[in-house]
Protein backbone atom coordinates (compact mmCIF):
# COMPACT_ATOMS: atom_id res chain seq x y z
CA UNK A 1 0.00 0.00 0.00
CA UNK A 2 1.35 3.42 -0.95
CA UNK A 3 1.19 6.71 0.87
CA UNK A 4 -2.31 7.75 1.90
CA UNK A 5 -4.07 10.49 -0.02
CA UNK A 6 -4.42 13.40 2.40
CA UNK A 7 -6.24 16.71 2.21
CA UNK A 8 -6.77 19.49 4.76
CA UNK A 9 -10.13 21.24 4.56
CA UNK A 10 -10.26 24.61 6.32
CA UNK A 11 -13.42 25.73 8.12
CA UNK A 12 -14.64 28.40 10.53
CA UNK A 13 -17.21 26.27 12.34
CA UNK A 14 -15.28 25.19 15.40
CA UNK A 15 -14.63 21.57 16.27
CA UNK A 16 -18.10 20.58 17.53
CA UNK A 17 -20.09 22.14 14.66
CA UNK A 18 -17.72 20.66 12.06
CA UNK A 19 -18.03 17.26 13.67
CA UNK A 20 -21.83 17.50 13.63
CA UNK A 21 -21.93 18.41 9.95
CA UNK A 22 -19.60 15.57 9.04
CA UNK A 23 -21.71 13.11 11.02
CA UNK A 24 -24.81 14.30 9.17
CA UNK A 25 -23.23 14.11 5.72
CA UNK A 26 -21.06 11.01 5.90
CA UNK A 27 -23.26 9.21 3.38
CA UNK A 28 -22.12 11.65 0.68
CA UNK A 29 -18.55 10.33 0.90
CA UNK A 30 -19.30 7.22 -1.14
CA UNK A 31 -20.20 9.49 -4.06
CA UNK A 32 -16.63 10.84 -4.13
CA UNK A 33 -15.22 7.51 -5.28
CA UNK A 34 -15.81 5.70 -8.59
CA UNK A 35 -18.35 2.98 -7.93
CA UNK A 36 -18.53 4.00 -4.25
CA UNK A 37 -20.69 1.83 -2.02
CA UNK A 38 -21.70 1.21 1.59
CA UNK A 39 -19.96 3.02 4.42
CA UNK A 40 -19.08 1.62 7.83
CA UNK A 41 -18.07 4.22 10.42
CA UNK A 42 -17.13 4.85 14.02
CA UNK A 43 -15.78 7.80 15.98
CA UNK A 44 -12.73 7.70 18.25
CA UNK A 45 -12.65 11.08 19.96
CA UNK A 46 -12.60 13.68 17.18
CA UNK A 47 -11.52 11.21 14.48
CA UNK A 48 -14.06 9.51 12.25
CA UNK A 49 -12.79 6.16 10.96
CA UNK A 50 -14.72 4.79 8.03
CA UNK A 51 -14.48 2.26 5.25
CA UNK A 52 -16.27 2.20 1.95
CA UNK A 53 -16.21 -0.03 -1.06
CA UNK A 54 -15.33 1.23 -4.53
CA UNK A 55 -14.73 -0.79 -7.67
CA UNK A 56 -14.72 -4.01 -5.63
CA UNK A 57 -12.06 -2.70 -3.24
CA UNK A 58 -12.32 -1.68 0.43
CA UNK A 59 -10.98 1.78 1.22
CA UNK A 60 -10.09 2.73 4.81
CA UNK A 61 -10.21 6.43 5.63
CA UNK A 62 -10.03 8.89 8.49
CA UNK A 63 -11.33 12.41 9.09
CA UNK A 64 -9.68 14.15 12.03
CA UNK A 65 -11.62 17.22 13.13
CA UNK A 66 -9.69 20.22 14.44
CA UNK A 67 -10.90 23.65 15.51
CA UNK A 68 -10.11 25.28 12.14
CA UNK A 69 -9.64 22.41 9.68
CA UNK A 70 -10.43 18.77 8.99
CA UNK A 71 -7.58 16.46 8.00
CA UNK A 72 -8.71 13.67 5.66
CA UNK A 73 -6.61 10.59 4.90
CA UNK A 74 -7.58 7.84 2.47
CA UNK A 75 -5.64 4.57 2.32
CA UNK A 76 -5.96 3.30 -1.23
CA UNK A 77 -5.48 -0.37 -2.09
CA UNK A 78 -2.88 -0.96 -4.82
CA UNK A 79 -5.49 -1.30 -7.57
CA UNK A 80 -6.90 2.16 -6.81
CA UNK A 81 -3.55 3.83 -6.16
CA UNK A 82 -3.46 4.64 -9.87
CA UNK A 83 -6.32 7.06 -9.20
CA UNK A 84 -4.64 8.83 -6.25
CA UNK A 85 -4.28 12.17 -8.05
CA UNK A 86 -7.88 12.21 -9.23
CA UNK A 87 -9.14 11.16 -5.80
CA UNK A 88 -7.06 13.90 -4.12
CA UNK A 89 -8.55 16.49 -6.52
CA UNK A 90 -12.08 15.21 -5.94
CA UNK A 91 -11.60 15.25 -2.16
CA UNK A 92 -10.25 18.81 -2.23
CA UNK A 93 -13.25 19.90 -4.28
CA UNK A 94 -16.04 17.88 -2.64
CA UNK A 95 -14.98 17.54 1.02
CA UNK A 96 -15.80 21.18 1.87
CA UNK A 97 -19.42 20.40 0.94
CA UNK A 98 -19.60 18.10 4.00
CA UNK A 99 -19.09 21.18 6.16
CA UNK A 100 -21.84 23.30 4.55
PDB file of N, CA and C in Angstrom:
ATOM      1  N   UNK A   1       0.851  -1.171   0.000  1.00  0.00           N
ATOM      2  CA  UNK A   1       0.000   0.000   0.000  1.00  0.00           C
ATOM      3  C   UNK A   1       0.896   1.233   0.000  1.00  0.00           C
ATOM      4  N   UNK A   2       0.555   2.203  -0.832  1.00  0.00           N
ATOM      5  CA  UNK A   2       1.346   3.421  -0.945  1.00  0.00           C
ATOM      6  C   UNK A   2       0.994   4.423   0.131  1.00  0.00           C
ATOM      7  N   UNK A   3       1.499   5.635  -0.060  1.00  0.00           N
ATOM      8  CA  UNK A   3       1.189   6.706   0.873  1.00  0.00           C
ATOM      9  C   UNK A   3      -0.295   7.031   0.800  1.00  0.00           C
ATOM     10  N   UNK A   4      -0.895   7.388   1.947  1.00  0.00           N
ATOM     11  CA  UNK A   4      -2.309   7.749   1.898  1.00  0.00           C
ATOM     12  C   UNK A   4      -2.516   9.072   1.164  1.00  0.00           C
ATOM     13  N   UNK A   5      -3.674   9.218   0.567  1.00  0.00           N
ATOM     14  CA  UNK A   5      -4.075  10.492  -0.019  1.00  0.00           C
ATOM     15  C   UNK A   5      -4.546  11.346   1.147  1.00  0.00           C
ATOM     16  N   UNK A   6      -3.994  12.544   1.288  1.00  0.00           N
ATOM     17  CA  UNK A   6      -4.418  13.398   2.395  1.00  0.00           C
ATOM     18  C   UNK A   6      -4.744  14.802   1.904  1.00  0.00           C
ATOM     19  N   UNK A   7      -5.752  15.382   2.552  1.00  0.00           N
ATOM     20  CA  UNK A   7      -6.238  16.711   2.211  1.00  0.00           C
ATOM     21  C   UNK A   7      -6.637  17.401   3.505  1.00  0.00           C
ATOM     22  N   UNK A   8      -6.290  18.680   3.646  1.00  0.00           N
ATOM     23  CA  UNK A   8      -6.769  19.487   4.759  1.00  0.00           C
ATOM     24  C   UNK A   8      -7.857  20.415   4.248  1.00  0.00           C
ATOM     25  N   UNK A   9      -8.986  20.424   4.949  1.00  0.00           N
ATOM     26  CA  UNK A   9     -10.131  21.240   4.559  1.00  0.00           C
ATOM     27  C   UNK A   9     -10.342  22.300   5.638  1.00  0.00           C
ATOM     28  N   UNK A  10     -10.070  23.560   5.319  1.00  0.00           N
ATOM     29  CA  UNK A  10     -10.258  24.615   6.324  1.00  0.00           C
ATOM     30  C   UNK A  10     -11.747  24.880   6.569  1.00  0.00           C
ATOM     31  N   UNK A  11     -12.052  25.334   7.781  1.00  0.00           N
ATOM     32  CA  UNK A  11     -13.423  25.728   8.118  1.00  0.00           C
ATOM     33  C   UNK A  11     -13.380  26.758   9.235  1.00  0.00           C
ATOM     34  N   UNK A  12     -14.520  27.398   9.463  1.00  0.00           N
ATOM     35  CA  UNK A  12     -14.640  28.400  10.529  1.00  0.00           C
ATOM     36  C   UNK A  12     -15.775  28.027  11.478  1.00  0.00           C
ATOM     37  N   UNK A  13     -16.059  26.751  11.569  1.00  0.00           N
ATOM     38  CA  UNK A  13     -17.207  26.274  12.340  1.00  0.00           C
ATOM     39  C   UNK A  13     -16.889  25.973  13.796  1.00  0.00           C
ATOM     40  N   UNK A  14     -15.639  25.740  14.100  1.00  0.00           N
ATOM     41  CA  UNK A  14     -15.284  25.190  15.403  1.00  0.00           C
ATOM     42  C   UNK A  14     -15.379  23.669  15.335  1.00  0.00           C
ATOM     43  N   UNK A  15     -14.733  23.035  16.273  1.00  0.00           N
ATOM     44  CA  UNK A  15     -14.626  21.569  16.267  1.00  0.00           C
ATOM     45  C   UNK A  15     -15.991  20.880  16.355  1.00  0.00           C
ATOM     46  N   UNK A  16     -16.827  21.268  17.306  1.00  0.00           N
ATOM     47  CA  UNK A  16     -18.101  20.576  17.527  1.00  0.00           C
ATOM     48  C   UNK A  16     -19.055  20.719  16.345  1.00  0.00           C
ATOM     49  N   UNK A  17     -19.182  21.934  15.797  1.00  0.00           N
ATOM     50  CA  UNK A  17     -20.086  22.144  14.663  1.00  0.00           C
ATOM     51  C   UNK A  17     -19.585  21.387  13.435  1.00  0.00           C
ATOM     52  N   UNK A  18     -18.278  21.389  13.200  1.00  0.00           N
ATOM     53  CA  UNK A  18     -17.716  20.660  12.060  1.00  0.00           C
ATOM     54  C   UNK A  18     -17.975  19.162  12.220  1.00  0.00           C
ATOM     55  N   UNK A  19     -17.799  18.677  13.415  1.00  0.00           N
ATOM     56  CA  UNK A  19     -18.034  17.261  13.672  1.00  0.00           C
ATOM     57  C   UNK A  19     -19.499  16.894  13.419  1.00  0.00           C
ATOM     58  N   UNK A  20     -20.403  17.738  13.844  1.00  0.00           N
ATOM     59  CA  UNK A  20     -21.827  17.499  13.627  1.00  0.00           C
ATOM     60  C   UNK A  20     -22.190  17.472  12.159  1.00  0.00           C
ATOM     61  N   UNK A  21     -21.627  18.375  11.389  1.00  0.00           N
ATOM     62  CA  UNK A  21     -21.933  18.407   9.954  1.00  0.00           C
ATOM     63  C   UNK A  21     -21.371  17.191   9.238  1.00  0.00           C
ATOM     64  N   UNK A  22     -20.181  16.774   9.641  1.00  0.00           N
ATOM     65  CA  UNK A  22     -19.595  15.571   9.038  1.00  0.00           C
ATOM     66  C   UNK A  22     -20.460  14.353   9.362  1.00  0.00           C
ATOM     67  N   UNK A  23     -20.878  14.247  10.622  1.00  0.00           N
ATOM     68  CA  UNK A  23     -21.714  13.110  11.024  1.00  0.00           C
ATOM     69  C   UNK A  23     -23.009  13.080  10.220  1.00  0.00           C
ATOM     70  N   UNK A  24     -23.566  14.243   9.921  1.00  0.00           N
ATOM     71  CA  UNK A  24     -24.810  14.302   9.166  1.00  0.00           C
ATOM     72  C   UNK A  24     -24.645  14.071   7.677  1.00  0.00           C
ATOM     73  N   UNK A  25     -23.444  14.231   7.159  1.00  0.00           N
ATOM     74  CA  UNK A  25     -23.233  14.113   5.718  1.00  0.00           C
ATOM     75  C   UNK A  25     -22.326  12.983   5.293  1.00  0.00           C
ATOM     76  N   UNK A  26     -22.021  12.071   6.201  1.00  0.00           N
ATOM     77  CA  UNK A  26     -21.062  11.014   5.903  1.00  0.00           C
ATOM     78  C   UNK A  26     -21.496  10.155   4.717  1.00  0.00           C
ATOM     79  N   UNK A  27     -22.781  10.009   4.499  1.00  0.00           N
ATOM     80  CA  UNK A  27     -23.262   9.207   3.380  1.00  0.00           C
ATOM     81  C   UNK A  27     -22.840   9.747   2.026  1.00  0.00           C
ATOM     82  N   UNK A  28     -22.542  11.032   1.940  1.00  0.00           N
ATOM     83  CA  UNK A  28     -22.124  11.654   0.682  1.00  0.00           C
ATOM     84  C   UNK A  28     -20.714  11.225   0.269  1.00  0.00           C
ATOM     85  N   UNK A  29     -19.941  10.702   1.207  1.00  0.00           N
ATOM     86  CA  UNK A  29     -18.551  10.335   0.901  1.00  0.00           C
ATOM     87  C   UNK A  29     -18.450   9.253  -0.161  1.00  0.00           C
ATOM     88  N   UNK A  30     -19.368   8.312  -0.158  1.00  0.00           N
ATOM     89  CA  UNK A  30     -19.303   7.222  -1.144  1.00  0.00           C
ATOM     90  C   UNK A  30     -19.382   7.773  -2.559  1.00  0.00           C
ATOM     91  N   UNK A  31     -20.070   8.892  -2.734  1.00  0.00           N
ATOM     92  CA  UNK A  31     -20.205   9.486  -4.064  1.00  0.00           C
ATOM     93  C   UNK A  31     -18.896  10.066  -4.585  1.00  0.00           C
ATOM     94  N   UNK A  32     -17.908  10.255  -3.718  1.00  0.00           N
ATOM     95  CA  UNK A  32     -16.631  10.844  -4.132  1.00  0.00           C
ATOM     96  C   UNK A  32     -15.718   9.834  -4.813  1.00  0.00           C
ATOM     97  N   UNK A  33     -16.073   8.555  -4.736  1.00  0.00           N
ATOM     98  CA  UNK A  33     -15.217   7.508  -5.284  1.00  0.00           C
ATOM     99  C   UNK A  33     -15.931   6.800  -6.423  1.00  0.00           C
ATOM    100  N   UNK A  34     -15.197   6.422  -7.472  1.00  0.00           N
ATOM    101  CA  UNK A  34     -15.813   5.701  -8.588  1.00  0.00           C
ATOM    102  C   UNK A  34     -16.422   4.391  -8.099  1.00  0.00           C
ATOM    103  N   UNK A  35     -17.689   4.205  -8.357  1.00  0.00           N
ATOM    104  CA  UNK A  35     -18.353   2.976  -7.929  1.00  0.00           C
ATOM    105  C   UNK A  35     -18.485   2.859  -6.429  1.00  0.00           C
ATOM    106  N   UNK A  36     -18.481   3.995  -5.712  1.00  0.00           N
ATOM    107  CA  UNK A  36     -18.534   4.004  -4.247  1.00  0.00           C
ATOM    108  C   UNK A  36     -19.773   3.315  -3.715  1.00  0.00           C
ATOM    109  N   UNK A  37     -19.596   2.583  -2.603  1.00  0.00           N
ATOM    110  CA  UNK A  37     -20.694   1.829  -2.022  1.00  0.00           C
ATOM    111  C   UNK A  37     -20.846   2.092  -0.536  1.00  0.00           C
ATOM    112  N   UNK A  38     -21.331   1.108   0.176  1.00  0.00           N
ATOM    113  CA  UNK A  38     -21.699   1.209   1.588  1.00  0.00           C
ATOM    114  C   UNK A  38     -20.549   1.723   2.451  1.00  0.00           C
ATOM    115  N   UNK A  39     -20.934   2.449   3.485  1.00  0.00           N
ATOM    116  CA  UNK A  39     -19.956   3.015   4.417  1.00  0.00           C
ATOM    117  C   UNK A  39     -20.176   2.425   5.805  1.00  0.00           C
ATOM    118  N   UNK A  40     -19.081   1.999   6.423  1.00  0.00           N
ATOM    119  CA  UNK A  40     -19.080   1.624   7.834  1.00  0.00           C
ATOM    120  C   UNK A  40     -18.275   2.688   8.550  1.00  0.00           C
ATOM    121  N   UNK A  41     -18.729   3.101   9.744  1.00  0.00           N
ATOM    122  CA  UNK A  41     -18.074   4.220  10.420  1.00  0.00           C
ATOM    123  C   UNK A  41     -18.097   4.068  11.931  1.00  0.00           C
ATOM    124  N   UNK A  42     -17.116   4.700  12.571  1.00  0.00           N
ATOM    125  CA  UNK A  42     -17.127   4.852  14.023  1.00  0.00           C
ATOM    126  C   UNK A  42     -16.207   6.011  14.403  1.00  0.00           C
ATOM    127  N   UNK A  43     -16.572   6.682  15.474  1.00  0.00           N
ATOM    128  CA  UNK A  43     -15.781   7.802  15.984  1.00  0.00           C
ATOM    129  C   UNK A  43     -14.871   7.329  17.102  1.00  0.00           C
ATOM    130  N   UNK A  44     -13.653   7.849  17.122  1.00  0.00           N
ATOM    131  CA  UNK A  44     -12.730   7.700  18.245  1.00  0.00           C
ATOM    132  C   UNK A  44     -12.305   9.117  18.597  1.00  0.00           C
ATOM    133  N   UNK A  45     -12.916   9.680  19.630  1.00  0.00           N
ATOM    134  CA  UNK A  45     -12.653  11.075  19.959  1.00  0.00           C
ATOM    135  C   UNK A  45     -13.138  11.959  18.821  1.00  0.00           C
ATOM    136  N   UNK A  46     -12.257  12.777  18.279  1.00  0.00           N
ATOM    137  CA  UNK A  46     -12.599  13.676  17.177  1.00  0.00           C
ATOM    138  C   UNK A  46     -12.168  13.135  15.822  1.00  0.00           C
ATOM    139  N   UNK A  47     -11.915  11.837  15.751  1.00  0.00           N
ATOM    140  CA  UNK A  47     -11.523  11.209  14.485  1.00  0.00           C
ATOM    141  C   UNK A  47     -12.592  10.219  14.047  1.00  0.00           C
ATOM    142  N   UNK A  48     -13.096  10.435  12.844  1.00  0.00           N
ATOM    143  CA  UNK A  48     -14.057   9.511  12.248  1.00  0.00           C
ATOM    144  C   UNK A  48     -13.279   8.509  11.402  1.00  0.00           C
ATOM    145  N   UNK A  49     -13.384   7.241  11.746  1.00  0.00           N
ATOM    146  CA  UNK A  49     -12.788   6.158  10.961  1.00  0.00           C
ATOM    147  C   UNK A  49     -13.912   5.556  10.142  1.00  0.00           C
ATOM    148  N   UNK A  50     -13.686   5.381   8.856  1.00  0.00           N
ATOM    149  CA  UNK A  50     -14.723   4.789   8.030  1.00  0.00           C
ATOM    150  C   UNK A  50     -14.105   4.000   6.894  1.00  0.00           C
ATOM    151  N   UNK A  51     -14.871   3.043   6.419  1.00  0.00           N
ATOM    152  CA  UNK A  51     -14.480   2.262   5.245  1.00  0.00           C
ATOM    153  C   UNK A  51     -15.625   2.336   4.251  1.00  0.00           C
ATOM    154  N   UNK A  52     -15.273   2.284   2.998  1.00  0.00           N
ATOM    155  CA  UNK A  52     -16.271   2.203   1.948  1.00  0.00           C
ATOM    156  C   UNK A  52     -15.729   1.300   0.860  1.00  0.00           C
ATOM    157  N   UNK A  53     -16.637   0.825   0.037  1.00  0.00           N
ATOM    158  CA  UNK A  53     -16.206  -0.026  -1.064  1.00  0.00           C
ATOM    159  C   UNK A  53     -16.312   0.768  -2.356  1.00  0.00           C
ATOM    160  N   UNK A  54     -15.334   0.581  -3.222  1.00  0.00           N
ATOM    161  CA  UNK A  54     -15.328   1.229  -4.532  1.00  0.00           C
ATOM    162  C   UNK A  54     -14.633   0.296  -5.514  1.00  0.00           C
ATOM    163  N   UNK A  55     -15.296   0.051  -6.615  1.00  0.00           N
ATOM    164  CA  UNK A  55     -14.732  -0.791  -7.668  1.00  0.00           C
ATOM    165  C   UNK A  55     -14.269  -2.140  -7.112  1.00  0.00           C
ATOM    166  N   UNK A  56     -15.050  -2.714  -6.197  1.00  0.00           N
ATOM    167  CA  UNK A  56     -14.724  -4.014  -5.633  1.00  0.00           C
ATOM    168  C   UNK A  56     -13.604  -3.999  -4.614  1.00  0.00           C
ATOM    169  N   UNK A  57     -13.143  -2.830  -4.210  1.00  0.00           N
ATOM    170  CA  UNK A  57     -12.057  -2.700  -3.242  1.00  0.00           C
ATOM    171  C   UNK A  57     -12.586  -2.038  -1.971  1.00  0.00           C
ATOM    172  N   UNK A  58     -11.966  -2.326  -0.833  1.00  0.00           N
ATOM    173  CA  UNK A  58     -12.320  -1.682   0.425  1.00  0.00           C
ATOM    174  C   UNK A  58     -11.307  -0.573   0.693  1.00  0.00           C
ATOM    175  N   UNK A  59     -11.827   0.607   0.990  1.00  0.00           N
ATOM    176  CA  UNK A  59     -10.982   1.778   1.220  1.00  0.00           C
ATOM    177  C   UNK A  59     -11.165   2.222   2.667  1.00  0.00           C
ATOM    178  N   UNK A  60     -10.065   2.252   3.426  1.00  0.00           N
ATOM    179  CA  UNK A  60     -10.092   2.726   4.807  1.00  0.00           C
ATOM    180  C   UNK A  60      -9.704   4.202   4.826  1.00  0.00           C
ATOM    181  N   UNK A  61     -10.440   4.986   5.607  1.00  0.00           N
ATOM    182  CA  UNK A  61     -10.207   6.428   5.629  1.00  0.00           C
ATOM    183  C   UNK A  61     -10.414   6.980   7.025  1.00  0.00           C
ATOM    184  N   UNK A  62      -9.882   8.203   7.221  1.00  0.00           N
ATOM    185  CA  UNK A  62     -10.027   8.894   8.492  1.00  0.00           C
ATOM    186  C   UNK A  62     -10.275  10.378   8.248  1.00  0.00           C
ATOM    187  N   UNK A  63     -11.133  10.963   9.065  1.00  0.00           N
ATOM    188  CA  UNK A  63     -11.333  12.407   9.088  1.00  0.00           C
ATOM    189  C   UNK A  63     -11.060  12.865  10.512  1.00  0.00           C
ATOM    190  N   UNK A  64     -10.006  13.642  10.705  1.00  0.00           N
ATOM    191  CA  UNK A  64      -9.679  14.153  12.027  1.00  0.00           C
ATOM    192  C   UNK A  64     -10.120  15.607  12.090  1.00  0.00           C
ATOM    193  N   UNK A  65     -11.016  15.903  13.030  1.00  0.00           N
ATOM    194  CA  UNK A  65     -11.624  17.222  13.130  1.00  0.00           C
ATOM    195  C   UNK A  65     -10.833  18.085  14.103  1.00  0.00           C
ATOM    196  N   UNK A  66     -10.389  19.235  13.621  1.00  0.00           N
ATOM    197  CA  UNK A  66      -9.694  20.224  14.437  1.00  0.00           C
ATOM    198  C   UNK A  66     -10.541  21.486  14.510  1.00  0.00           C
ATOM    199  N   UNK A  67     -10.146  22.410  15.319  1.00  0.00           N
ATOM    200  CA  UNK A  67     -10.904  23.653  15.514  1.00  0.00           C
ATOM    201  C   UNK A  67     -11.075  24.445  14.222  1.00  0.00           C
ATOM    202  N   UNK A  68     -10.039  24.456  13.339  1.00  0.00           N
ATOM    203  CA  UNK A  68     -10.111  25.283  12.136  1.00  0.00           C
ATOM    204  C   UNK A  68      -9.903  24.520  10.831  1.00  0.00           C
ATOM    205  N   UNK A  69      -9.752  23.205  10.906  1.00  0.00           N
ATOM    206  CA  UNK A  69      -9.643  22.408   9.681  1.00  0.00           C
ATOM    207  C   UNK A  69      -9.972  20.948   9.972  1.00  0.00           C
ATOM    208  N   UNK A  70     -10.222  20.220   8.910  1.00  0.00           N
ATOM    209  CA  UNK A  70     -10.429  18.770   8.986  1.00  0.00           C
ATOM    210  C   UNK A  70      -9.335  18.136   8.143  1.00  0.00           C
ATOM    211  N   UNK A  71      -8.629  17.170   8.725  1.00  0.00           N
ATOM    212  CA  UNK A  71      -7.576  16.464   8.004  1.00  0.00           C
ATOM    213  C   UNK A  71      -8.152  15.115   7.553  1.00  0.00           C
ATOM    214  N   UNK A  72      -8.187  14.913   6.238  1.00  0.00           N
ATOM    215  CA  UNK A  72      -8.712  13.675   5.660  1.00  0.00           C
ATOM    216  C   UNK A  72      -7.564  12.826   5.137  1.00  0.00           C
ATOM    217  N   UNK A  73      -7.593  11.540   5.433  1.00  0.00           N
ATOM    218  CA  UNK A  73      -6.614  10.589   4.898  1.00  0.00           C
ATOM    219  C   UNK A  73      -7.360   9.384   4.344  1.00  0.00           C
ATOM    220  N   UNK A  74      -6.963   8.979   3.145  1.00  0.00           N
ATOM    221  CA  UNK A  74      -7.580   7.842   2.466  1.00  0.00           C
ATOM    222  C   UNK A  74      -6.478   6.854   2.114  1.00  0.00           C
ATOM    223  N   UNK A  75      -6.602   5.637   2.624  1.00  0.00           N
ATOM    224  CA  UNK A  75      -5.643   4.571   2.320  1.00  0.00           C
ATOM    225  C   UNK A  75      -6.164   3.789   1.120  1.00  0.00           C
ATOM    226  N   UNK A  76      -5.510   3.959  -0.010  1.00  0.00           N
ATOM    227  CA  UNK A  76      -5.957   3.300  -1.231  1.00  0.00           C
ATOM    228  C   UNK A  76      -5.295   1.939  -1.396  1.00  0.00           C
ATOM    229  N   UNK A  77      -6.082   0.922  -1.752  1.00  0.00           N
ATOM    230  CA  UNK A  77      -5.477  -0.367  -2.087  1.00  0.00           C
ATOM    231  C   UNK A  77      -4.687  -0.217  -3.391  1.00  0.00           C
ATOM    232  N   UNK A  78      -3.732  -1.099  -3.639  1.00  0.00           N
ATOM    233  CA  UNK A  78      -2.880  -0.960  -4.819  1.00  0.00           C
ATOM    234  C   UNK A  78      -3.637  -0.748  -6.135  1.00  0.00           C
ATOM    235  N   UNK A  79      -4.761  -1.431  -6.316  1.00  0.00           N
ATOM    236  CA  UNK A  79      -5.494  -1.299  -7.568  1.00  0.00           C
ATOM    237  C   UNK A  79      -6.008   0.133  -7.779  1.00  0.00           C
ATOM    238  N   UNK A  80      -6.366   0.808  -6.699  1.00  0.00           N
ATOM    239  CA  UNK A  80      -6.904   2.163  -6.808  1.00  0.00           C
ATOM    240  C   UNK A  80      -5.836   3.246  -6.670  1.00  0.00           C
ATOM    241  N   UNK A  81      -4.624   2.847  -6.315  1.00  0.00           N
ATOM    242  CA  UNK A  81      -3.549   3.831  -6.163  1.00  0.00           C
ATOM    243  C   UNK A  81      -3.284   4.588  -7.463  1.00  0.00           C
ATOM    244  N   UNK A  82      -3.609   3.969  -8.582  1.00  0.00           N
ATOM    245  CA  UNK A  82      -3.459   4.637  -9.875  1.00  0.00           C
ATOM    246  C   UNK A  82      -4.322   5.898  -9.965  1.00  0.00           C
ATOM    247  N   UNK A  83      -5.390   5.942  -9.174  1.00  0.00           N
ATOM    248  CA  UNK A  83      -6.322   7.060  -9.205  1.00  0.00           C
ATOM    249  C   UNK A  83      -6.053   8.074  -8.088  1.00  0.00           C
ATOM    250  N   UNK A  84      -4.917   7.973  -7.408  1.00  0.00           N
ATOM    251  CA  UNK A  84      -4.640   8.825  -6.251  1.00  0.00           C
ATOM    252  C   UNK A  84      -4.762  10.308  -6.579  1.00  0.00           C
ATOM    253  N   UNK A  85      -4.214  10.751  -7.685  1.00  0.00           N
ATOM    254  CA  UNK A  85      -4.279  12.165  -8.052  1.00  0.00           C
ATOM    255  C   UNK A  85      -5.702  12.637  -8.265  1.00  0.00           C
ATOM    256  N   UNK A  86      -6.480  11.848  -8.969  1.00  0.00           N
ATOM    257  CA  UNK A  86      -7.882  12.209  -9.226  1.00  0.00           C
ATOM    258  C   UNK A  86      -8.697  12.192  -7.936  1.00  0.00           C
ATOM    259  N   UNK A  87      -8.421  11.228  -7.074  1.00  0.00           N
ATOM    260  CA  UNK A  87      -9.137  11.156  -5.797  1.00  0.00           C
ATOM    261  C   UNK A  87      -8.769  12.347  -4.923  1.00  0.00           C
ATOM    262  N   UNK A  88      -7.494  12.728  -4.899  1.00  0.00           N
ATOM    263  CA  UNK A  88      -7.065  13.905  -4.125  1.00  0.00           C
ATOM    264  C   UNK A  88      -7.786  15.159  -4.629  1.00  0.00           C
ATOM    265  N   UNK A  89      -7.848  15.330  -5.947  1.00  0.00           N
ATOM    266  CA  UNK A  89      -8.549  16.491  -6.525  1.00  0.00           C
ATOM    267  C   UNK A  89     -10.024  16.483  -6.154  1.00  0.00           C
ATOM    268  N   UNK A  90     -10.651  15.327  -6.257  1.00  0.00           N
ATOM    269  CA  UNK A  90     -12.078  15.210  -5.937  1.00  0.00           C
ATOM    270  C   UNK A  90     -12.327  15.494  -4.461  1.00  0.00           C
ATOM    271  N   UNK A  91     -11.465  14.982  -3.589  1.00  0.00           N
ATOM    272  CA  UNK A  91     -11.599  15.252  -2.160  1.00  0.00           C
ATOM    273  C   UNK A  91     -11.466  16.747  -1.869  1.00  0.00           C
ATOM    274  N   UNK A  92     -10.466  17.383  -2.462  1.00  0.00           N
ATOM    275  CA  UNK A  92     -10.251  18.812  -2.232  1.00  0.00           C
ATOM    276  C   UNK A  92     -11.460  19.626  -2.683  1.00  0.00           C
ATOM    277  N   UNK A  93     -12.099  19.179  -3.744  1.00  0.00           N
ATOM    278  CA  UNK A  93     -13.253  19.903  -4.284  1.00  0.00           C
ATOM    279  C   UNK A  93     -14.533  19.591  -3.520  1.00  0.00           C
ATOM    280  N   UNK A  94     -14.763  18.318  -3.204  1.00  0.00           N
ATOM    281  CA  UNK A  94     -16.036  17.885  -2.638  1.00  0.00           C
ATOM    282  C   UNK A  94     -16.089  17.858  -1.115  1.00  0.00           C
ATOM    283  N   UNK A  95     -14.970  17.644  -0.450  1.00  0.00           N
ATOM    284  CA  UNK A  95     -14.978  17.537   1.018  1.00  0.00           C
ATOM    285  C   UNK A  95     -15.513  18.791   1.704  1.00  0.00           C
ATOM    286  N   UNK A  96     -15.225  20.000   1.206  1.00  0.00           N
ATOM    287  CA  UNK A  96     -15.800  21.182   1.872  1.00  0.00           C
ATOM    288  C   UNK A  96     -17.331  21.170   1.893  1.00  0.00           C
ATOM    289  N   UNK A  97     -17.952  20.471   0.976  1.00  0.00           N
ATOM    290  CA  UNK A  97     -19.422  20.403   0.942  1.00  0.00           C
ATOM    291  C   UNK A  97     -19.977  19.674   2.165  1.00  0.00           C
ATOM    292  N   UNK A  98     -19.172  18.785   2.776  1.00  0.00           N
ATOM    293  CA  UNK A  98     -19.603  18.103   4.001  1.00  0.00           C
ATOM    294  C   UNK A  98     -19.759  19.084   5.157  1.00  0.00           C
ATOM    295  N   UNK A  99     -19.075  20.212   5.059  1.00  0.00           N
ATOM    296  CA  UNK A  99     -19.095  21.184   6.159  1.00  0.00           C
ATOM    297  C   UNK A  99     -20.098  22.300   5.926  1.00  0.00           C
ATOM    298  N   UNK A 100     -20.846  22.241   4.836  1.00  0.00           N
ATOM    299  CA  UNK A 100     -21.837  23.296   4.546  1.00  0.00           C
ATOM    300  C   UNK A 100     -23.136  23.027   5.261  1.00  0.00           C
TER     301      UNK A 100
END
